[in-house]
C-alpha cells in the first residue's frame, strides 16, 4: 500500500483584495495550471464541514457553467483546479474552533500594555516579513507565502506570542492552544479523507502551513511535497 502524498499550498485570502482578483484573472488561471501539474486526486479546502452542502451546490453550479466564482480562493482556485482535474467535489477540512477566549486582539493589547519590549519584538518580525513580500502578481504572492524562509519567519511571531502574559495570566499560550487545536483538527480531517495512492492538494491560509505540515509529517503516514516546486515559472 502506497502512502498518500500531500501538498499543502498556502494562500492569501482573496476576499481582502477583490480588485486584484478582478485584474489578475489570467494570472489566477495560470496559477491553477501550475498547481494542476501535481495531478491531485483530491482537493481539500479551508471550509467547515458545516458548509459541505453549500460547497457541493456551488461547485456543481460552477462545473455546469452557471456560477461566477466569488472573491474567494476556494472558488477562484480550488473550483477551477477541481474542474480541470475532473473531480466531482472538493473537501472541506476546516474546523470550527472558538478563537475568542482570548482573542488575538486581546493578546496583542496585553503585550502592548504590559510587555512593550516583547510587543516591539513582534512588530520587528512582522516588519521583516513585509520585506519578504511581493504582491506584484498572484503567483508571486503564492511564492513568498510558500517559501521556507517566510514560513520560518512567520512561525517566530507565534513563538513570541507564547511569551505574552505572566505566570498567572498565560494569555498568549491560551490563544495558541486554540490555534493548535484548530490546526491539529484540520490535520486529522485531512487524514480521514486520505486513501492509498491519493495525491491531496490542501489549499489553506498561509499561517497554517507550518503546523499542518508538522502534524502530517509527524504522523509518518504521508509523503509531504513542498508547494514551491509547483509555483516556479
C-alpha atoms as a PDB file:
ATOM      1  CA  UNK A   1       0.000   0.000   0.000  1.00  0.00           C
ATOM      2  CA  UNK A   2       1.455   3.332  -1.102  1.00  0.00           C
ATOM      3  CA  UNK A   3       1.343   6.261   1.322  1.00  0.00           C
ATOM      4  CA  UNK A   4      -0.822   9.191   0.224  1.00  0.00           C
ATOM      5  CA  UNK A   5       1.076  12.264  -0.947  1.00  0.00           C
ATOM      6  CA  UNK A   6       0.019  15.659   0.381  1.00  0.00           C
ATOM      7  CA  UNK A   7       0.922  19.134  -0.813  1.00  0.00           C
ATOM      8  CA  UNK A   8      -0.102  21.983   1.479  1.00  0.00           C
ATOM      9  CA  UNK A   9      -0.459  25.170  -0.556  1.00  0.00           C
ATOM     10  CA  UNK A  10      -0.537  28.355   1.481  1.00  0.00           C
ATOM     11  CA  UNK A  11      -2.822  31.028   0.094  1.00  0.00           C
ATOM     12  CA  UNK A  12      -3.812  34.606   0.708  1.00  0.00           C
ATOM     13  CA  UNK A  13      -7.464  35.288   1.485  1.00  0.00           C
ATOM     14  CA  UNK A  14      -8.669  36.822  -1.763  1.00  0.00           C
ATOM     15  CA  UNK A  15     -11.789  38.442  -0.310  1.00  0.00           C
ATOM     16  CA  UNK A  16      -9.449  41.023   1.230  1.00  0.00           C
ATOM     17  CA  UNK A  17      -8.401  42.277  -2.210  1.00  0.00           C
ATOM     18  CA  UNK A  18     -11.182  41.915  -4.798  1.00  0.00           C
ATOM     19  CA  UNK A  19      -9.517  44.380  -7.185  1.00  0.00           C
ATOM     20  CA  UNK A  20      -6.552  42.040  -7.554  1.00  0.00           C
ATOM     21  CA  UNK A  21      -8.911  39.164  -8.284  1.00  0.00           C
ATOM     22  CA  UNK A  22     -10.634  41.186 -10.998  1.00  0.00           C
ATOM     23  CA  UNK A  23      -7.412  42.423 -12.563  1.00  0.00           C
ATOM     24  CA  UNK A  24      -5.497  39.138 -12.476  1.00  0.00           C
ATOM     25  CA  UNK A  25      -7.946  36.556 -13.780  1.00  0.00           C
ATOM     26  CA  UNK A  26      -5.469  35.281 -16.367  1.00  0.00           C
ATOM     27  CA  UNK A  27      -2.745  35.094 -13.722  1.00  0.00           C
ATOM     28  CA  UNK A  28      -5.056  33.082 -11.449  1.00  0.00           C
ATOM     29  CA  UNK A  29      -5.800  30.667 -14.295  1.00  0.00           C
ATOM     30  CA  UNK A  30      -2.061  30.325 -14.938  1.00  0.00           C
ATOM     31  CA  UNK A  31      -1.524  29.569 -11.233  1.00  0.00           C
ATOM     32  CA  UNK A  32      -4.211  26.874 -11.417  1.00  0.00           C
ATOM     33  CA  UNK A  33      -2.451  25.360 -14.435  1.00  0.00           C
ATOM     34  CA  UNK A  34       0.816  25.262 -12.462  1.00  0.00           C
ATOM     35  CA  UNK A  35      -0.830  23.546  -9.492  1.00  0.00           C
ATOM     36  CA  UNK A  36      -2.527  21.040 -11.797  1.00  0.00           C
ATOM     37  CA  UNK A  37       0.924  19.574 -12.543  1.00  0.00           C
ATOM     38  CA  UNK A  38       0.732  17.991  -9.082  1.00  0.00           C
ATOM     39  CA  UNK A  39      -2.123  15.874 -10.512  1.00  0.00           C
ATOM     40  CA  UNK A  40      -4.232  15.878  -7.340  1.00  0.00           C
ATOM     41  CA  UNK A  41      -6.765  13.122  -6.746  1.00  0.00           C
ATOM     42  CA  UNK A  42      -8.458  15.192  -4.023  1.00  0.00           C
ATOM     43  CA  UNK A  43      -8.527  18.895  -3.164  1.00  0.00           C
ATOM     44  CA  UNK A  44      -9.049  19.935   0.466  1.00  0.00           C
ATOM     45  CA  UNK A  45     -10.044  23.487   1.335  1.00  0.00           C
ATOM     46  CA  UNK A  46     -10.366  25.870   4.282  1.00  0.00           C
ATOM     47  CA  UNK A  47     -14.113  25.497   4.697  1.00  0.00           C
ATOM     48  CA  UNK A  48     -16.010  23.897   7.575  1.00  0.00           C
ATOM     49  CA  UNK A  49     -17.863  20.605   7.106  1.00  0.00           C
ATOM     50  CA  UNK A  50     -20.925  22.599   8.174  1.00  0.00           C
ATOM     51  CA  UNK A  51     -20.775  24.244   4.727  1.00  0.00           C
ATOM     52  CA  UNK A  52     -20.462  20.976   2.809  1.00  0.00           C
ATOM     53  CA  UNK A  53     -23.891  21.080   1.168  1.00  0.00           C
ATOM     54  CA  UNK A  54     -23.477  24.706   0.095  1.00  0.00           C
ATOM     55  CA  UNK A  55     -19.943  23.990  -1.138  1.00  0.00           C
ATOM     56  CA  UNK A  56     -21.149  20.993  -3.157  1.00  0.00           C
ATOM     57  CA  UNK A  57     -24.005  23.011  -4.649  1.00  0.00           C
ATOM     58  CA  UNK A  58     -21.792  25.907  -5.703  1.00  0.00           C
ATOM     59  CA  UNK A  59     -19.115  23.601  -7.109  1.00  0.00           C
ATOM     60  CA  UNK A  60     -21.710  21.756  -9.209  1.00  0.00           C
ATOM     61  CA  UNK A  61     -23.064  25.075 -10.495  1.00  0.00           C
ATOM     62  CA  UNK A  62     -19.513  26.146 -11.349  1.00  0.00           C
ATOM     63  CA  UNK A  63     -18.884  22.930 -13.283  1.00  0.00           C
ATOM     64  CA  UNK A  64     -22.118  23.477 -15.188  1.00  0.00           C
ATOM     65  CA  UNK A  65     -21.028  26.983 -16.145  1.00  0.00           C
ATOM     66  CA  UNK A  66     -23.768  28.600 -14.050  1.00  0.00           C
ATOM     67  CA  UNK A  67     -21.605  30.227 -11.367  1.00  0.00           C
ATOM     68  CA  UNK A  68     -19.180  33.143 -11.481  1.00  0.00           C
ATOM     69  CA  UNK A  69     -16.548  32.445  -8.780  1.00  0.00           C
ATOM     70  CA  UNK A  70     -16.793  34.664  -5.711  1.00  0.00           C
ATOM     71  CA  UNK A  71     -13.854  36.697  -4.369  1.00  0.00           C
ATOM     72  CA  UNK A  72     -12.701  33.622  -2.536  1.00  0.00           C
ATOM     73  CA  UNK A  73      -9.617  31.465  -3.031  1.00  0.00           C
ATOM     74  CA  UNK A  74     -11.708  28.301  -2.775  1.00  0.00           C
ATOM     75  CA  UNK A  75     -13.854  29.270  -5.754  1.00  0.00           C
ATOM     76  CA  UNK A  76     -11.153  31.125  -7.682  1.00  0.00           C
ATOM     77  CA  UNK A  77      -8.521  28.389  -7.341  1.00  0.00           C
ATOM     78  CA  UNK A  78      -9.882  25.134  -5.865  1.00  0.00           C
ATOM     79  CA  UNK A  79     -13.040  25.096  -8.014  1.00  0.00           C
ATOM     80  CA  UNK A  80     -11.042  25.750 -11.177  1.00  0.00           C
ATOM     81  CA  UNK A  81      -8.405  23.174 -10.249  1.00  0.00           C
ATOM     82  CA  UNK A  82     -11.056  20.592  -9.350  1.00  0.00           C
ATOM     83  CA  UNK A  83     -12.868  21.126 -12.627  1.00  0.00           C
ATOM     84  CA  UNK A  84      -9.613  20.914 -14.583  1.00  0.00           C
ATOM     85  CA  UNK A  85      -8.801  17.676 -12.734  1.00  0.00           C
ATOM     86  CA  UNK A  86     -12.320  16.302 -13.394  1.00  0.00           C
ATOM     87  CA  UNK A  87     -13.142  15.977  -9.694  1.00  0.00           C
ATOM     88  CA  UNK A  88     -16.748  15.621  -8.600  1.00  0.00           C
ATOM     89  CA  UNK A  89     -16.223  17.576  -5.370  1.00  0.00           C
ATOM     90  CA  UNK A  90     -13.806  19.467  -3.155  1.00  0.00           C
ATOM     91  CA  UNK A  91     -13.349  18.533   0.509  1.00  0.00           C
ATOM     92  CA  UNK A  92     -13.994  20.968   3.395  1.00  0.00           C
ATOM     93  CA  UNK A  93     -11.475  20.210   6.149  1.00  0.00           C
ATOM     94  CA  UNK A  94     -11.504  23.317   8.342  1.00  0.00           C
ATOM     95  CA  UNK A  95     -12.573  23.027  11.965  1.00  0.00           C
ATOM     96  CA  UNK A  96     -14.875  25.317  13.929  1.00  0.00           C
ATOM     97  CA  UNK A  97     -12.893  26.413  16.994  1.00  0.00           C
ATOM     98  CA  UNK A  98     -13.740  29.302  19.311  1.00  0.00           C
ATOM     99  CA  UNK A  99     -10.734  31.605  18.920  1.00  0.00           C
ATOM    100  CA  UNK A 100     -12.110  34.319  21.216  1.00  0.00           C
ATOM    101  CA  UNK A 101     -11.054  33.133  24.687  1.00  0.00           C
ATOM    102  CA  UNK A 102      -8.783  35.041  24.487  1.00  0.00           C
ATOM    103  CA  UNK A 103      -8.894  36.725  21.097  1.00  0.00           C
ATOM    104  CA  UNK A 104      -5.727  37.570  19.182  1.00  0.00           C
ATOM    105  CA  UNK A 105      -6.556  41.248  19.653  1.00  0.00           C
ATOM    106  CA  UNK A 106      -6.557  40.739  23.427  1.00  0.00           C
ATOM    107  CA  UNK A 107      -3.145  39.059  23.214  1.00  0.00           C
ATOM    108  CA  UNK A 108      -1.658  41.976  21.293  1.00  0.00           C
ATOM    109  CA  UNK A 109      -3.295  44.505  23.633  1.00  0.00           C
ATOM    110  CA  UNK A 110      -1.805  42.766  26.673  1.00  0.00           C
ATOM    111  CA  UNK A 111       1.658  42.732  25.099  1.00  0.00           C
ATOM    112  CA  UNK A 112       1.409  46.413  24.160  1.00  0.00           C
ATOM    113  CA  UNK A 113       0.293  47.453  27.659  1.00  0.00           C
ATOM    114  CA  UNK A 114       2.325  45.121  29.864  1.00  0.00           C
ATOM    115  CA  UNK A 115       5.273  43.878  27.751  1.00  0.00           C
ATOM    116  CA  UNK A 116       6.270  46.718  25.424  1.00  0.00           C
ATOM    117  CA  UNK A 117       9.695  45.220  24.664  1.00  0.00           C
ATOM    118  CA  UNK A 118       8.106  41.941  23.579  1.00  0.00           C
ATOM    119  CA  UNK A 119       5.472  43.851  21.622  1.00  0.00           C
ATOM    120  CA  UNK A 120       8.276  45.622  19.755  1.00  0.00           C
ATOM    121  CA  UNK A 121       9.967  42.269  19.041  1.00  0.00           C
ATOM    122  CA  UNK A 122       6.746  41.016  17.455  1.00  0.00           C
ATOM    123  CA  UNK A 123       6.397  44.174  15.368  1.00  0.00           C
ATOM    124  CA  UNK A 124      10.021  43.826  14.245  1.00  0.00           C
ATOM    125  CA  UNK A 125       9.415  40.289  12.981  1.00  0.00           C
ATOM    126  CA  UNK A 126       6.273  41.446  11.194  1.00  0.00           C
ATOM    127  CA  UNK A 127       8.334  44.223   9.579  1.00  0.00           C
ATOM    128  CA  UNK A 128      10.859  41.630   8.399  1.00  0.00           C
ATOM    129  CA  UNK A 129       8.037  39.601   6.888  1.00  0.00           C
ATOM    130  CA  UNK A 130       6.891  42.703   4.979  1.00  0.00           C
ATOM    131  CA  UNK A 131      10.310  42.978   3.345  1.00  0.00           C
ATOM    132  CA  UNK A 132       9.931  39.402   2.072  1.00  0.00           C
ATOM    133  CA  UNK A 133       6.557  40.024   0.454  1.00  0.00           C
ATOM    134  CA  UNK A 134       5.996  40.590  -3.244  1.00  0.00           C
ATOM    135  CA  UNK A 135       2.399  41.077  -4.331  1.00  0.00           C
ATOM    136  CA  UNK A 136       3.108  42.129  -7.906  1.00  0.00           C
ATOM    137  CA  UNK A 137       1.145  39.137  -9.165  1.00  0.00           C
ATOM    138  CA  UNK A 138      -0.937  36.379  -7.569  1.00  0.00           C
ATOM    139  CA  UNK A 139       1.779  33.861  -8.449  1.00  0.00           C
ATOM    140  CA  UNK A 140       4.466  35.966  -6.757  1.00  0.00           C
ATOM    141  CA  UNK A 141       2.246  36.207  -3.670  1.00  0.00           C
ATOM    142  CA  UNK A 142       1.918  32.423  -3.556  1.00  0.00           C
ATOM    143  CA  UNK A 143       5.675  32.023  -3.989  1.00  0.00           C
ATOM    144  CA  UNK A 144       6.629  34.023  -0.916  1.00  0.00           C
ATOM    145  CA  UNK A 145       3.805  32.600   1.221  1.00  0.00           C
ATOM    146  CA  UNK A 146       5.102  29.099   0.489  1.00  0.00           C
ATOM    147  CA  UNK A 147       8.813  29.903   0.700  1.00  0.00           C
ATOM    148  CA  UNK A 148      10.550  28.103   3.619  1.00  0.00           C
ATOM    149  CA  UNK A 149      12.240  31.312   4.800  1.00  0.00           C
ATOM    150  CA  UNK A 150       8.925  33.151   5.009  1.00  0.00           C
ATOM    151  CA  UNK A 151       7.217  30.234   6.777  1.00  0.00           C
ATOM    152  CA  UNK A 152      10.080  30.060   9.303  1.00  0.00           C
ATOM    153  CA  UNK A 153       9.968  33.803   9.994  1.00  0.00           C
ATOM    154  CA  UNK A 154       6.189  33.739  10.371  1.00  0.00           C
ATOM    155  CA  UNK A 155       6.477  30.983  12.957  1.00  0.00           C
ATOM    156  CA  UNK A 156       8.685  33.285  15.042  1.00  0.00           C
ATOM    157  CA  UNK A 157       5.658  35.534  15.549  1.00  0.00           C
ATOM    158  CA  UNK A 158       3.691  32.649  17.055  1.00  0.00           C
ATOM    159  CA  UNK A 159       6.555  31.621  19.318  1.00  0.00           C
ATOM    160  CA  UNK A 160       6.827  35.185  20.611  1.00  0.00           C
ATOM    161  CA  UNK A 161       3.082  35.227  21.254  1.00  0.00           C
ATOM    162  CA  UNK A 162       3.656  32.301  23.635  1.00  0.00           C
ATOM    163  CA  UNK A 163       5.585  34.689  25.905  1.00  0.00           C
ATOM    164  CA  UNK A 164       2.714  37.171  26.210  1.00  0.00           C
ATOM    165  CA  UNK A 165       1.358  37.163  29.759  1.00  0.00           C
ATOM    166  CA  UNK A 166       2.786  36.014  33.066  1.00  0.00           C
ATOM    167  CA  UNK A 167       2.611  33.013  35.408  1.00  0.00           C
ATOM    168  CA  UNK A 168      -0.930  33.895  36.434  1.00  0.00           C
ATOM    169  CA  UNK A 169      -2.119  35.050  33.008  1.00  0.00           C
ATOM    170  CA  UNK A 170      -0.868  32.759  30.227  1.00  0.00           C
ATOM    171  CA  UNK A 171      -2.814  34.759  27.688  1.00  0.00           C
ATOM    172  CA  UNK A 172      -0.536  34.014  24.725  1.00  0.00           C
ATOM    173  CA  UNK A 173      -0.384  30.301  25.438  1.00  0.00           C
ATOM    174  CA  UNK A 174      -4.163  30.146  25.854  1.00  0.00           C
ATOM    175  CA  UNK A 175      -4.674  31.705  22.427  1.00  0.00           C
ATOM    176  CA  UNK A 176      -2.101  29.350  20.888  1.00  0.00           C
ATOM    177  CA  UNK A 177      -3.913  26.340  22.400  1.00  0.00           C
ATOM    178  CA  UNK A 178      -6.944  27.369  20.346  1.00  0.00           C
ATOM    179  CA  UNK A 179      -4.796  27.806  17.227  1.00  0.00           C
ATOM    180  CA  UNK A 180      -3.081  24.436  17.707  1.00  0.00           C
ATOM    181  CA  UNK A 181      -6.437  22.750  18.317  1.00  0.00           C
ATOM    182  CA  UNK A 182      -7.717  24.102  15.014  1.00  0.00           C
ATOM    183  CA  UNK A 183      -4.657  23.040  13.011  1.00  0.00           C
ATOM    184  CA  UNK A 184      -4.458  19.609  14.655  1.00  0.00           C
ATOM    185  CA  UNK A 185      -8.150  19.109  13.889  1.00  0.00           C
ATOM    186  CA  UNK A 186      -7.571  20.146  10.256  1.00  0.00           C
ATOM    187  CA  UNK A 187      -4.695  17.671  10.001  1.00  0.00           C
ATOM    188  CA  UNK A 188      -6.957  14.943  11.387  1.00  0.00           C
ATOM    189  CA  UNK A 189      -9.699  15.861   8.899  1.00  0.00           C
ATOM    190  CA  UNK A 190      -7.204  15.628   6.036  1.00  0.00           C
ATOM    191  CA  UNK A 191      -6.017  12.246   7.283  1.00  0.00           C
ATOM    192  CA  UNK A 192      -9.601  10.976   7.370  1.00  0.00           C
ATOM    193  CA  UNK A 193     -10.146  11.599   3.661  1.00  0.00           C
ATOM    194  CA  UNK A 194      -6.790  10.152   2.607  1.00  0.00           C
ATOM    195  CA  UNK A 195      -6.645   6.797   0.846  1.00  0.00           C
ATOM    196  CA  UNK A 196      -3.788   4.734  -0.511  1.00  0.00           C
ATOM    197  CA  UNK A 197      -2.100   6.367  -3.532  1.00  0.00           C
ATOM    198  CA  UNK A 198      -4.021   9.627  -3.067  1.00  0.00           C
ATOM    199  CA  UNK A 199      -2.415  12.897  -4.077  1.00  0.00           C
ATOM    200  CA  UNK A 200      -4.130  15.502  -1.923  1.00  0.00           C
ATOM    201  CA  UNK A 201      -3.704  19.208  -2.545  1.00  0.00           C
ATOM    202  CA  UNK A 202      -4.611  21.233   0.540  1.00  0.00           C
ATOM    203  CA  UNK A 203      -5.419  24.899  -0.087  1.00  0.00           C
ATOM    204  CA  UNK A 204      -5.097  26.694   3.238  1.00  0.00           C
ATOM    205  CA  UNK A 205      -4.290  30.163   4.598  1.00  0.00           C
ATOM    206  CA  UNK A 206      -0.526  30.659   4.719  1.00  0.00           C
ATOM    207  CA  UNK A 207      -0.460  30.951   8.527  1.00  0.00           C
ATOM    208  CA  UNK A 208      -1.406  27.259   8.765  1.00  0.00           C
ATOM    209  CA  UNK A 209       1.451  25.827   6.685  1.00  0.00           C
ATOM    210  CA  UNK A 210       3.978  25.270   9.480  1.00  0.00           C
ATOM    211  CA  UNK A 211       1.747  23.411  11.915  1.00  0.00           C
ATOM    212  CA  UNK A 212      -0.215  21.457   9.319  1.00  0.00           C
ATOM    213  CA  UNK A 213       2.960  20.222   7.665  1.00  0.00           C
ATOM    214  CA  UNK A 214       4.462  19.360  11.039  1.00  0.00           C
ATOM    215  CA  UNK A 215       1.409  17.414  12.221  1.00  0.00           C
ATOM    216  CA  UNK A 216       1.089  15.495   8.931  1.00  0.00           C
ATOM    217  CA  UNK A 217       4.807  14.703   8.817  1.00  0.00           C
ATOM    218  CA  UNK A 218       4.877  13.578  12.437  1.00  0.00           C
ATOM    219  CA  UNK A 219       2.167  11.017  11.737  1.00  0.00           C
ATOM    220  CA  UNK A 220       4.516   9.145   9.422  1.00  0.00           C
ATOM    221  CA  UNK A 221       1.508   8.280   7.271  1.00  0.00           C
ATOM    222  CA  UNK A 222       2.095  10.641   4.351  1.00  0.00           C
ATOM    223  CA  UNK A 223       4.636  11.899   1.858  1.00  0.00           C
ATOM    224  CA  UNK A 224       4.781  15.706   2.001  1.00  0.00           C
ATOM    225  CA  UNK A 225       5.603  17.677  -1.134  1.00  0.00           C
ATOM    226  CA  UNK A 226       6.615  21.366  -0.882  1.00  0.00           C
ATOM    227  CA  UNK A 227       4.301  23.616  -2.887  1.00  0.00           C
ATOM    228  CA  UNK A 228       7.093  25.922  -4.028  1.00  0.00           C
ATOM    229  CA  UNK A 229       8.337  23.425  -6.602  1.00  0.00           C
ATOM    230  CA  UNK A 230       4.993  23.759  -8.427  1.00  0.00           C
ATOM    231  CA  UNK A 231       4.919  27.541  -8.220  1.00  0.00           C
ATOM    232  CA  UNK A 232       8.116  28.353 -10.093  1.00  0.00           C
ATOM    233  CA  UNK A 233       7.961  29.562 -13.661  1.00  0.00           C
END
